[in-house]
Amino acid sequence: MRPHLVTAIALLALTVHFSAHAAPQNHSAHHSAYGGQQHRAIKSLSHEDVEELRRGGGWGLAKAAELNGMPGPAHVLELKDKIALTPDQTTTIKAIFQDMQRRAVAKGEQLIALEMQLDHGFKTRHITDQRLRALLTMIAQAREDLRYIHLSMHLKTPKILTDTQISQYNILRGYK
């Protein structure tokens, strides 16, 4: 081997060795991905989650229907001109949407209140195992009810549309 090549390899090895040992230790390896979330009003819900629930938004709860080609009322109304809804269809789907939104807002507020109770119980250290189980049961029921509200509208909406409108909807939404 040539002497300058041996010297270059030795220098490279020394540089790598000293760089690895001189690098600052990563103390953040123990930091939680939750860092910063301790400042939330409700630790288990982001500000965006709360806003979505308060406005009756879908919160991703109807993906099982939406991504399987069964439109819901909110997005159908957004695309009404592009899928050529008739005035009668528009009126019917608006009524479905308003019913869904009214029910989803009420259930969303209930879910927020329950999550606040859970958060408060841990914050004050006054939560018992029995209260924890009760709150978790109520939270699970509220989430189930909320998901049902959104998914059930995906059962109603396609009945108002033609196959062509549903197909166009799915194309416009990027599912086909």
N, C-alpha and C. Protein backbone atom coordinates (compact mmCIF):
# COMPACT_ATOMS: atom_id res chain seq x y z
N MET A 1 0.84 -1.16 0.00
CA MET A 1 0.00 0.00 0.00
C MET A 1 0.89 1.23 0.00
N ARG A 2 0.48 2.25 -0.67
CA ARG A 2 1.27 3.48 -0.74
C ARG A 2 1.25 4.19 0.60
N PRO A 3 2.36 4.83 0.95
CA PRO A 3 2.45 5.49 2.27
C PRO A 3 1.41 6.60 2.46
N HIS A 4 1.14 7.37 1.40
CA HIS A 4 0.16 8.47 1.58
C HIS A 4 -1.27 7.91 1.73
N LEU A 5 -1.52 6.76 1.14
CA LEU A 5 -2.85 6.14 1.30
C LEU A 5 -3.02 5.60 2.72
N VAL A 6 -1.97 4.99 3.26
CA VAL A 6 -2.00 4.49 4.62
C VAL A 6 -2.21 5.64 5.59
N THR A 7 -1.51 6.74 5.36
CA THR A 7 -1.65 7.93 6.21
C THR A 7 -3.07 8.48 6.15
N ALA A 8 -3.63 8.54 4.95
CA ALA A 8 -4.99 9.06 4.78
C ALA A 8 -6.00 8.18 5.50
N ILE A 9 -5.84 6.87 5.39
CA ILE A 9 -6.76 5.94 6.06
C ILE A 9 -6.63 6.08 7.58
N ALA A 10 -5.41 6.20 8.07
CA ALA A 10 -5.18 6.35 9.51
C ALA A 10 -5.80 7.65 10.02
N LEU A 11 -5.63 8.73 9.26
CA LEU A 11 -6.21 10.01 9.66
C LEU A 11 -7.74 9.95 9.66
N LEU A 12 -8.28 9.28 8.66
CA LEU A 12 -9.73 9.13 8.59
C LEU A 12 -10.24 8.34 9.79
N ALA A 13 -9.57 7.26 10.13
CA ALA A 13 -9.97 6.45 11.27
C ALA A 13 -9.90 7.25 12.57
N LEU A 14 -8.83 8.02 12.74
CA LEU A 14 -8.70 8.85 13.94
C LEU A 14 -9.79 9.93 13.99
N THR A 15 -10.09 10.53 12.85
CA THR A 15 -11.13 11.57 12.80
C THR A 15 -12.48 11.00 13.20
N VAL A 16 -12.81 9.83 12.64
CA VAL A 16 -14.08 9.19 12.99
C VAL A 16 -14.11 8.85 14.47
N HIS A 17 -13.02 8.29 14.98
CA HIS A 17 -12.95 7.90 16.38
C HIS A 17 -13.14 9.10 17.30
N PHE A 18 -12.41 10.18 17.06
CA PHE A 18 -12.49 11.34 17.94
C PHE A 18 -13.80 12.10 17.75
N SER A 19 -14.35 12.09 16.56
CA SER A 19 -15.63 12.75 16.34
C SER A 19 -16.73 12.06 17.11
N ALA A 20 -16.70 10.75 17.13
CA ALA A 20 -17.73 9.99 17.84
C ALA A 20 -17.65 10.24 19.34
N HIS A 21 -16.43 10.32 19.87
CA HIS A 21 -16.27 10.52 21.31
C HIS A 21 -16.43 11.97 21.72
N ALA A 22 -16.19 12.90 20.80
CA ALA A 22 -16.32 14.31 21.12
C ALA A 22 -17.76 14.81 20.95
N ALA A 23 -18.60 14.02 20.26
CA ALA A 23 -19.99 14.44 20.03
C ALA A 23 -20.71 14.55 21.35
N PRO A 24 -21.53 15.58 21.51
CA PRO A 24 -22.28 15.71 22.77
C PRO A 24 -23.24 14.54 22.94
N GLN A 25 -23.39 14.13 24.17
CA GLN A 25 -24.31 13.04 24.47
C GLN A 25 -25.74 13.50 24.20
N ASN A 26 -26.56 12.62 23.66
CA ASN A 26 -27.95 12.94 23.36
C ASN A 26 -28.81 12.67 24.59
N HIS A 27 -28.99 13.72 25.38
CA HIS A 27 -29.79 13.58 26.59
C HIS A 27 -31.28 13.56 26.29
N SER A 28 -31.66 13.93 25.08
CA SER A 28 -33.09 13.95 24.74
C SER A 28 -33.61 12.56 24.39
N ALA A 29 -32.76 11.55 24.47
CA ALA A 29 -33.21 10.19 24.17
C ALA A 29 -34.29 9.73 25.13
N HIS A 30 -34.36 10.36 26.30
CA HIS A 30 -35.35 9.98 27.29
C HIS A 30 -36.58 10.89 27.25
N HIS A 31 -36.53 11.92 26.44
CA HIS A 31 -37.68 12.84 26.35
C HIS A 31 -38.82 12.16 25.61
N SER A 32 -40.01 12.42 26.09
CA SER A 32 -41.21 11.82 25.51
C SER A 32 -41.63 12.57 24.25
N ALA A 33 -42.23 11.84 23.34
CA ALA A 33 -42.84 12.47 22.16
C ALA A 33 -44.00 13.36 22.59
N TYR A 34 -44.46 13.21 23.83
CA TYR A 34 -45.56 14.02 24.35
C TYR A 34 -45.09 15.37 24.88
N GLY A 35 -43.78 15.61 24.90
CA GLY A 35 -43.25 16.86 25.42
C GLY A 35 -43.97 18.06 24.83
N GLY A 36 -44.40 18.97 25.69
CA GLY A 36 -45.14 20.15 25.28
C GLY A 36 -46.63 19.98 25.42
N GLN A 37 -47.10 18.74 25.35
CA GLN A 37 -48.53 18.50 25.44
C GLN A 37 -49.05 18.65 26.86
N GLN A 38 -48.15 18.71 27.82
CA GLN A 38 -48.57 18.87 29.21
C GLN A 38 -49.21 20.24 29.45
N HIS A 39 -49.07 21.15 28.49
CA HIS A 39 -49.65 22.48 28.62
C HIS A 39 -51.06 22.56 28.03
N ARG A 40 -51.53 21.48 27.43
CA ARG A 40 -52.88 21.48 26.86
C ARG A 40 -53.92 21.62 27.96
N ALA A 41 -55.04 22.24 27.61
CA ALA A 41 -56.16 22.34 28.56
C ALA A 41 -56.68 20.95 28.90
N ILE A 42 -56.81 20.11 27.89
CA ILE A 42 -57.20 18.70 28.06
C ILE A 42 -56.05 17.89 27.46
N LYS A 43 -55.35 17.19 28.28
CA LYS A 43 -54.11 16.55 27.84
C LYS A 43 -54.30 15.55 26.69
N SER A 44 -55.44 14.87 26.66
CA SER A 44 -55.64 13.83 25.64
C SER A 44 -56.22 14.37 24.34
N LEU A 45 -56.55 15.67 24.29
CA LEU A 45 -57.11 16.26 23.08
C LEU A 45 -56.31 17.51 22.71
N SER A 46 -55.93 17.61 21.46
CA SER A 46 -55.25 18.82 20.99
C SER A 46 -56.28 19.94 20.82
N HIS A 47 -55.80 21.14 20.68
CA HIS A 47 -56.69 22.28 20.41
C HIS A 47 -57.49 22.03 19.14
N GLU A 48 -56.83 21.45 18.14
CA GLU A 48 -57.51 21.14 16.87
C GLU A 48 -58.59 20.07 17.06
N ASP A 49 -58.31 19.08 17.90
CA ASP A 49 -59.31 18.05 18.20
C ASP A 49 -60.55 18.68 18.82
N VAL A 50 -60.34 19.55 19.78
CA VAL A 50 -61.46 20.20 20.48
C VAL A 50 -62.27 21.04 19.50
N GLU A 51 -61.59 21.79 18.65
CA GLU A 51 -62.30 22.61 17.67
C GLU A 51 -63.11 21.75 16.70
N GLU A 52 -62.52 20.65 16.24
CA GLU A 52 -63.20 19.74 15.33
C GLU A 52 -64.45 19.15 15.99
N LEU A 53 -64.32 18.74 17.23
CA LEU A 53 -65.47 18.18 17.96
C LEU A 53 -66.55 19.24 18.18
N ARG A 54 -66.13 20.45 18.49
CA ARG A 54 -67.10 21.52 18.78
C ARG A 54 -67.87 21.97 17.54
N ARG A 55 -67.29 21.80 16.38
CA ARG A 55 -67.99 22.19 15.15
C ARG A 55 -68.73 21.02 14.51
N GLY A 56 -68.62 19.85 15.13
CA GLY A 56 -69.31 18.67 14.61
C GLY A 56 -68.60 18.04 13.44
N GLY A 57 -67.31 18.33 13.30
CA GLY A 57 -66.51 17.78 12.20
C GLY A 57 -66.33 16.28 12.33
N GLY A 58 -65.91 15.68 11.25
CA GLY A 58 -65.82 14.23 11.17
C GLY A 58 -64.74 13.58 11.99
N TRP A 59 -63.66 14.30 12.29
CA TRP A 59 -62.57 13.83 13.15
C TRP A 59 -61.99 12.51 12.65
N GLY A 60 -62.21 12.21 11.35
CA GLY A 60 -61.70 10.97 10.76
C GLY A 60 -62.48 9.73 11.16
N LEU A 61 -63.61 9.91 11.80
CA LEU A 61 -64.37 8.77 12.33
C LEU A 61 -65.12 7.99 11.27
N ALA A 62 -65.30 8.56 10.09
CA ALA A 62 -66.09 7.88 9.05
C ALA A 62 -65.22 7.34 7.92
N LYS A 63 -63.94 7.17 8.16
CA LYS A 63 -63.04 6.68 7.10
C LYS A 63 -63.46 5.32 6.55
N ALA A 64 -64.00 4.47 7.41
CA ALA A 64 -64.41 3.14 6.95
C ALA A 64 -65.41 3.26 5.81
N ALA A 65 -66.31 4.22 5.88
CA ALA A 65 -67.29 4.43 4.81
C ALA A 65 -66.68 5.25 3.67
N GLU A 66 -66.10 6.36 4.03
CA GLU A 66 -65.57 7.31 3.03
C GLU A 66 -64.58 6.65 2.09
N LEU A 67 -63.64 5.92 2.64
CA LEU A 67 -62.58 5.32 1.82
C LEU A 67 -63.03 4.05 1.11
N ASN A 68 -64.24 3.63 1.38
CA ASN A 68 -64.83 2.50 0.65
C ASN A 68 -65.91 2.97 -0.31
N GLY A 69 -65.85 4.25 -0.66
CA GLY A 69 -66.70 4.78 -1.71
C GLY A 69 -68.12 5.15 -1.32
N MET A 70 -68.37 5.32 -0.02
CA MET A 70 -69.71 5.71 0.44
C MET A 70 -69.66 7.14 0.96
N PRO A 71 -70.10 8.08 0.15
CA PRO A 71 -69.99 9.50 0.50
C PRO A 71 -70.83 9.89 1.71
N GLY A 72 -70.34 10.90 2.40
CA GLY A 72 -71.08 11.50 3.48
C GLY A 72 -71.61 12.86 3.06
N PRO A 73 -72.52 13.42 3.84
CA PRO A 73 -73.19 14.64 3.41
C PRO A 73 -72.30 15.88 3.33
N ALA A 74 -71.35 16.03 4.22
CA ALA A 74 -70.53 17.25 4.23
C ALA A 74 -69.77 17.42 2.91
N HIS A 75 -69.07 16.38 2.49
CA HIS A 75 -68.27 16.48 1.27
C HIS A 75 -69.14 16.47 0.01
N VAL A 76 -70.27 15.82 0.07
CA VAL A 76 -71.20 15.86 -1.07
C VAL A 76 -71.66 17.30 -1.29
N LEU A 77 -71.98 17.98 -0.20
CA LEU A 77 -72.42 19.37 -0.33
C LEU A 77 -71.29 20.27 -0.84
N GLU A 78 -70.06 19.98 -0.43
CA GLU A 78 -68.91 20.74 -0.94
C GLU A 78 -68.75 20.57 -2.44
N LEU A 79 -69.10 19.39 -2.94
CA LEU A 79 -68.92 19.07 -4.37
C LEU A 79 -70.23 19.10 -5.16
N LYS A 80 -71.27 19.68 -4.59
CA LYS A 80 -72.61 19.60 -5.19
C LYS A 80 -72.65 20.05 -6.65
N ASP A 81 -71.92 21.10 -7.00
CA ASP A 81 -71.93 21.58 -8.39
C ASP A 81 -71.16 20.63 -9.31
N LYS A 82 -70.09 20.05 -8.79
CA LYS A 82 -69.26 19.18 -9.62
C LYS A 82 -69.86 17.80 -9.83
N ILE A 83 -70.77 17.39 -8.94
CA ILE A 83 -71.44 16.10 -9.15
C ILE A 83 -72.88 16.28 -9.58
N ALA A 84 -73.23 17.53 -9.87
CA ALA A 84 -74.55 17.89 -10.41
C ALA A 84 -75.72 17.43 -9.54
N LEU A 85 -75.69 17.85 -8.27
CA LEU A 85 -76.84 17.56 -7.41
C LEU A 85 -78.05 18.35 -7.91
N THR A 86 -79.19 17.72 -7.86
CA THR A 86 -80.44 18.42 -8.19
C THR A 86 -80.85 19.24 -6.97
N PRO A 87 -81.74 20.20 -7.15
CA PRO A 87 -82.22 20.96 -5.99
C PRO A 87 -82.85 20.07 -4.91
N ASP A 88 -83.60 19.05 -5.32
CA ASP A 88 -84.20 18.14 -4.34
C ASP A 88 -83.13 17.35 -3.58
N GLN A 89 -82.12 16.87 -4.30
CA GLN A 89 -81.04 16.16 -3.64
C GLN A 89 -80.31 17.07 -2.66
N THR A 90 -80.06 18.29 -3.08
CA THR A 90 -79.36 19.25 -2.22
C THR A 90 -80.15 19.49 -0.94
N THR A 91 -81.44 19.68 -1.06
CA THR A 91 -82.28 19.91 0.12
C THR A 91 -82.25 18.71 1.06
N THR A 92 -82.36 17.52 0.51
CA THR A 92 -82.36 16.31 1.33
C THR A 92 -81.01 16.11 2.02
N ILE A 93 -79.94 16.31 1.28
CA ILE A 93 -78.60 16.09 1.86
C ILE A 93 -78.28 17.19 2.87
N LYS A 94 -78.74 18.41 2.65
CA LYS A 94 -78.56 19.46 3.66
C LYS A 94 -79.25 19.08 4.96
N ALA A 95 -80.43 18.50 4.87
CA ALA A 95 -81.16 18.08 6.07
C ALA A 95 -80.39 16.97 6.79
N ILE A 96 -79.84 16.03 6.04
CA ILE A 96 -79.02 14.96 6.64
C ILE A 96 -77.81 15.57 7.33
N PHE A 97 -77.15 16.50 6.65
CA PHE A 97 -75.96 17.15 7.21
C PHE A 97 -76.30 17.91 8.49
N GLN A 98 -77.38 18.68 8.47
CA GLN A 98 -77.76 19.47 9.65
C GLN A 98 -78.08 18.57 10.83
N ASP A 99 -78.75 17.45 10.58
CA ASP A 99 -79.04 16.49 11.63
C ASP A 99 -77.75 15.91 12.19
N MET A 100 -76.86 15.52 11.29
CA MET A 100 -75.58 14.96 11.70
C MET A 100 -74.79 15.98 12.52
N GLN A 101 -74.71 17.19 12.04
CA GLN A 101 -73.92 18.21 12.73
C GLN A 101 -74.50 18.52 14.12
N ARG A 102 -75.80 18.66 14.20
CA ARG A 102 -76.45 18.94 15.49
C ARG A 102 -76.13 17.83 16.50
N ARG A 103 -76.29 16.60 16.06
CA ARG A 103 -76.03 15.46 16.95
C ARG A 103 -74.55 15.33 17.28
N ALA A 104 -73.69 15.55 16.27
CA ALA A 104 -72.25 15.42 16.48
C ALA A 104 -71.71 16.51 17.41
N VAL A 105 -72.23 17.72 17.30
CA VAL A 105 -71.79 18.79 18.20
C VAL A 105 -72.15 18.44 19.64
N ALA A 106 -73.37 18.00 19.87
CA ALA A 106 -73.80 17.63 21.22
C ALA A 106 -72.94 16.49 21.78
N LYS A 107 -72.71 15.47 20.96
CA LYS A 107 -71.91 14.33 21.43
C LYS A 107 -70.45 14.73 21.60
N GLY A 108 -69.95 15.59 20.72
CA GLY A 108 -68.58 16.09 20.85
C GLY A 108 -68.38 16.87 22.15
N GLU A 109 -69.36 17.70 22.49
CA GLU A 109 -69.29 18.45 23.76
C GLU A 109 -69.28 17.49 24.94
N GLN A 110 -70.08 16.43 24.84
CA GLN A 110 -70.10 15.44 25.91
C GLN A 110 -68.73 14.76 26.04
N LEU A 111 -68.14 14.40 24.92
CA LEU A 111 -66.82 13.77 24.94
C LEU A 111 -65.77 14.71 25.54
N ILE A 112 -65.81 15.97 25.15
CA ILE A 112 -64.86 16.95 25.68
C ILE A 112 -65.02 17.05 27.20
N ALA A 113 -66.26 17.15 27.67
CA ALA A 113 -66.52 17.25 29.11
C ALA A 113 -66.00 16.03 29.87
N LEU A 114 -66.20 14.86 29.31
CA LEU A 114 -65.71 13.64 29.96
C LEU A 114 -64.19 13.59 29.99
N GLU A 115 -63.55 13.98 28.89
CA GLU A 115 -62.09 14.01 28.86
C GLU A 115 -61.56 15.04 29.86
N MET A 116 -62.28 16.15 30.02
CA MET A 116 -61.89 17.15 31.02
C MET A 116 -61.96 16.57 32.43
N GLN A 117 -63.00 15.79 32.69
CA GLN A 117 -63.14 15.16 34.01
C GLN A 117 -61.98 14.19 34.26
N LEU A 118 -61.66 13.41 33.25
CA LEU A 118 -60.54 12.47 33.37
C LEU A 118 -59.24 13.22 33.65
N ASP A 119 -59.00 14.25 32.87
CA ASP A 119 -57.79 15.04 33.03
C ASP A 119 -57.73 15.66 34.44
N HIS A 120 -58.85 16.22 34.87
CA HIS A 120 -58.92 16.86 36.19
C HIS A 120 -58.66 15.83 37.30
N GLY A 121 -59.20 14.64 37.15
CA GLY A 121 -58.98 13.60 38.16
C GLY A 121 -57.50 13.28 38.34
N PHE A 122 -56.78 13.21 37.23
CA PHE A 122 -55.35 12.93 37.33
C PHE A 122 -54.58 14.16 37.82
N LYS A 123 -54.98 15.32 37.36
CA LYS A 123 -54.30 16.56 37.75
C LYS A 123 -54.37 16.76 39.26
N THR A 124 -55.55 16.53 39.83
CA THR A 124 -55.75 16.75 41.27
C THR A 124 -55.37 15.54 42.11
N ARG A 125 -55.07 14.43 41.42
CA ARG A 125 -54.70 13.18 42.10
C ARG A 125 -55.87 12.64 42.95
N HIS A 126 -57.09 12.97 42.53
CA HIS A 126 -58.27 12.50 43.26
C HIS A 126 -59.08 11.49 42.46
N ILE A 127 -58.43 10.79 41.58
CA ILE A 127 -59.14 9.79 40.80
C ILE A 127 -58.92 8.42 41.42
N THR A 128 -59.98 7.67 41.51
CA THR A 128 -59.90 6.32 42.06
C THR A 128 -60.00 5.33 40.90
N ASP A 129 -59.69 4.10 41.18
CA ASP A 129 -59.81 3.07 40.15
C ASP A 129 -61.26 2.96 39.67
N GLN A 130 -62.19 3.03 40.62
CA GLN A 130 -63.61 2.94 40.27
C GLN A 130 -64.03 4.12 39.37
N ARG A 131 -63.62 5.33 39.73
CA ARG A 131 -63.97 6.51 38.92
C ARG A 131 -63.29 6.44 37.55
N LEU A 132 -62.06 5.96 37.52
CA LEU A 132 -61.34 5.80 36.25
C LEU A 132 -62.11 4.87 35.32
N ARG A 133 -62.52 3.71 35.83
CA ARG A 133 -63.28 2.76 35.01
C ARG A 133 -64.58 3.38 34.51
N ALA A 134 -65.27 4.09 35.38
CA ALA A 134 -66.54 4.72 34.99
C ALA A 134 -66.32 5.77 33.90
N LEU A 135 -65.32 6.61 34.08
CA LEU A 135 -65.04 7.64 33.06
C LEU A 135 -64.63 7.01 31.73
N LEU A 136 -63.80 6.00 31.78
CA LEU A 136 -63.36 5.35 30.54
C LEU A 136 -64.53 4.69 29.81
N THR A 137 -65.45 4.12 30.57
CA THR A 137 -66.65 3.53 29.97
C THR A 137 -67.49 4.61 29.29
N MET A 138 -67.68 5.74 29.97
CA MET A 138 -68.47 6.82 29.40
C MET A 138 -67.78 7.45 28.19
N ILE A 139 -66.46 7.59 28.25
CA ILE A 139 -65.71 8.14 27.12
C ILE A 139 -65.81 7.21 25.92
N ALA A 140 -65.65 5.92 26.16
CA ALA A 140 -65.76 4.94 25.08
C ALA A 140 -67.15 4.98 24.45
N GLN A 141 -68.18 5.11 25.26
CA GLN A 141 -69.55 5.17 24.75
C GLN A 141 -69.77 6.45 23.94
N ALA A 142 -69.25 7.56 24.43
CA ALA A 142 -69.39 8.82 23.70
C ALA A 142 -68.67 8.76 22.35
N ARG A 143 -67.47 8.19 22.33
CA ARG A 143 -66.73 8.04 21.06
C ARG A 143 -67.48 7.11 20.11
N GLU A 144 -68.02 6.03 20.64
CA GLU A 144 -68.78 5.09 19.82
C GLU A 144 -70.01 5.79 19.23
N ASP A 145 -70.72 6.53 20.06
CA ASP A 145 -71.90 7.24 19.60
C ASP A 145 -71.54 8.27 18.53
N LEU A 146 -70.46 8.97 18.76
CA LEU A 146 -70.01 9.99 17.80
C LEU A 146 -69.63 9.34 16.47
N ARG A 147 -68.94 8.24 16.53
CA ARG A 147 -68.57 7.53 15.31
C ARG A 147 -69.81 7.02 14.58
N TYR A 148 -70.76 6.50 15.34
CA TYR A 148 -72.01 6.04 14.74
C TYR A 148 -72.73 7.18 14.03
N ILE A 149 -72.79 8.33 14.68
CA ILE A 149 -73.46 9.49 14.07
C ILE A 149 -72.86 9.75 12.69
N HIS A 150 -71.55 9.80 12.61
CA HIS A 150 -70.90 10.11 11.32
C HIS A 150 -71.04 8.97 10.32
N LEU A 151 -70.79 7.76 10.75
CA LEU A 151 -70.88 6.63 9.81
C LEU A 151 -72.31 6.39 9.32
N SER A 152 -73.28 6.57 10.17
CA SER A 152 -74.67 6.32 9.76
C SER A 152 -75.12 7.28 8.67
N MET A 153 -74.53 8.46 8.62
CA MET A 153 -74.87 9.41 7.56
C MET A 153 -74.30 8.96 6.22
N HIS A 154 -73.25 8.17 6.28
CA HIS A 154 -72.68 7.59 5.06
C HIS A 154 -73.55 6.43 4.55
N LEU A 155 -74.45 5.96 5.36
CA LEU A 155 -75.44 4.98 4.90
C LEU A 155 -76.61 5.69 4.21
N LYS A 156 -76.97 6.85 4.74
CA LYS A 156 -78.11 7.59 4.20
C LYS A 156 -77.79 8.33 2.90
N THR A 157 -76.63 8.96 2.85
CA THR A 157 -76.30 9.84 1.72
C THR A 157 -76.28 9.13 0.37
N PRO A 158 -75.64 7.97 0.22
CA PRO A 158 -75.61 7.33 -1.10
C PRO A 158 -77.00 6.99 -1.65
N LYS A 159 -77.95 6.78 -0.76
CA LYS A 159 -79.31 6.46 -1.21
C LYS A 159 -79.95 7.63 -1.96
N ILE A 160 -79.43 8.82 -1.76
CA ILE A 160 -79.97 10.03 -2.39
C ILE A 160 -79.30 10.27 -3.75
N LEU A 161 -78.13 9.68 -3.95
CA LEU A 161 -77.32 9.94 -5.14
C LEU A 161 -77.50 8.86 -6.20
N THR A 162 -77.15 9.22 -7.43
CA THR A 162 -77.11 8.22 -8.50
C THR A 162 -75.74 7.54 -8.48
N ASP A 163 -75.64 6.42 -9.15
CA ASP A 163 -74.35 5.72 -9.25
C ASP A 163 -73.31 6.61 -9.92
N THR A 164 -73.74 7.37 -10.91
CA THR A 164 -72.82 8.28 -11.63
C THR A 164 -72.31 9.37 -10.68
N GLN A 165 -73.18 9.91 -9.86
CA GLN A 165 -72.76 10.94 -8.91
C GLN A 165 -71.78 10.38 -7.88
N ILE A 166 -72.04 9.17 -7.43
CA ILE A 166 -71.13 8.54 -6.46
C ILE A 166 -69.78 8.29 -7.11
N SER A 167 -69.79 7.80 -8.32
CA SER A 167 -68.54 7.56 -9.03
C SER A 167 -67.76 8.86 -9.22
N GLN A 168 -68.44 9.92 -9.63
CA GLN A 168 -67.80 11.22 -9.82
C GLN A 168 -67.26 11.76 -8.50
N TYR A 169 -68.02 11.59 -7.44
CA TYR A 169 -67.60 11.99 -6.10
C TYR A 169 -66.27 11.31 -5.75
N ASN A 170 -66.23 10.00 -5.94
CA ASN A 170 -65.02 9.24 -5.58
C ASN A 170 -63.83 9.63 -6.42
N ILE A 171 -64.06 9.98 -7.68
CA ILE A 171 -62.98 10.45 -8.53
C ILE A 171 -62.48 11.80 -7.99
N LEU A 172 -63.40 12.72 -7.73
CA LEU A 172 -63.03 14.04 -7.24
C LEU A 172 -62.33 13.99 -5.89
N ARG A 173 -62.68 13.05 -5.07
CA ARG A 173 -62.05 12.92 -3.75
C ARG A 173 -60.72 12.16 -3.82
N GLY A 174 -60.39 11.65 -5.00
CA GLY A 174 -59.10 10.98 -5.18
C GLY A 174 -59.10 9.52 -4.80
N TYR A 175 -60.27 8.91 -4.76
CA TYR A 175 -60.36 7.51 -4.37
C TYR A 175 -60.36 6.57 -5.57
N LYS A 176 -60.50 7.08 -6.78
CA LYS A 176 -60.47 6.26 -7.99
C LYS A 176 -59.42 6.77 -8.93
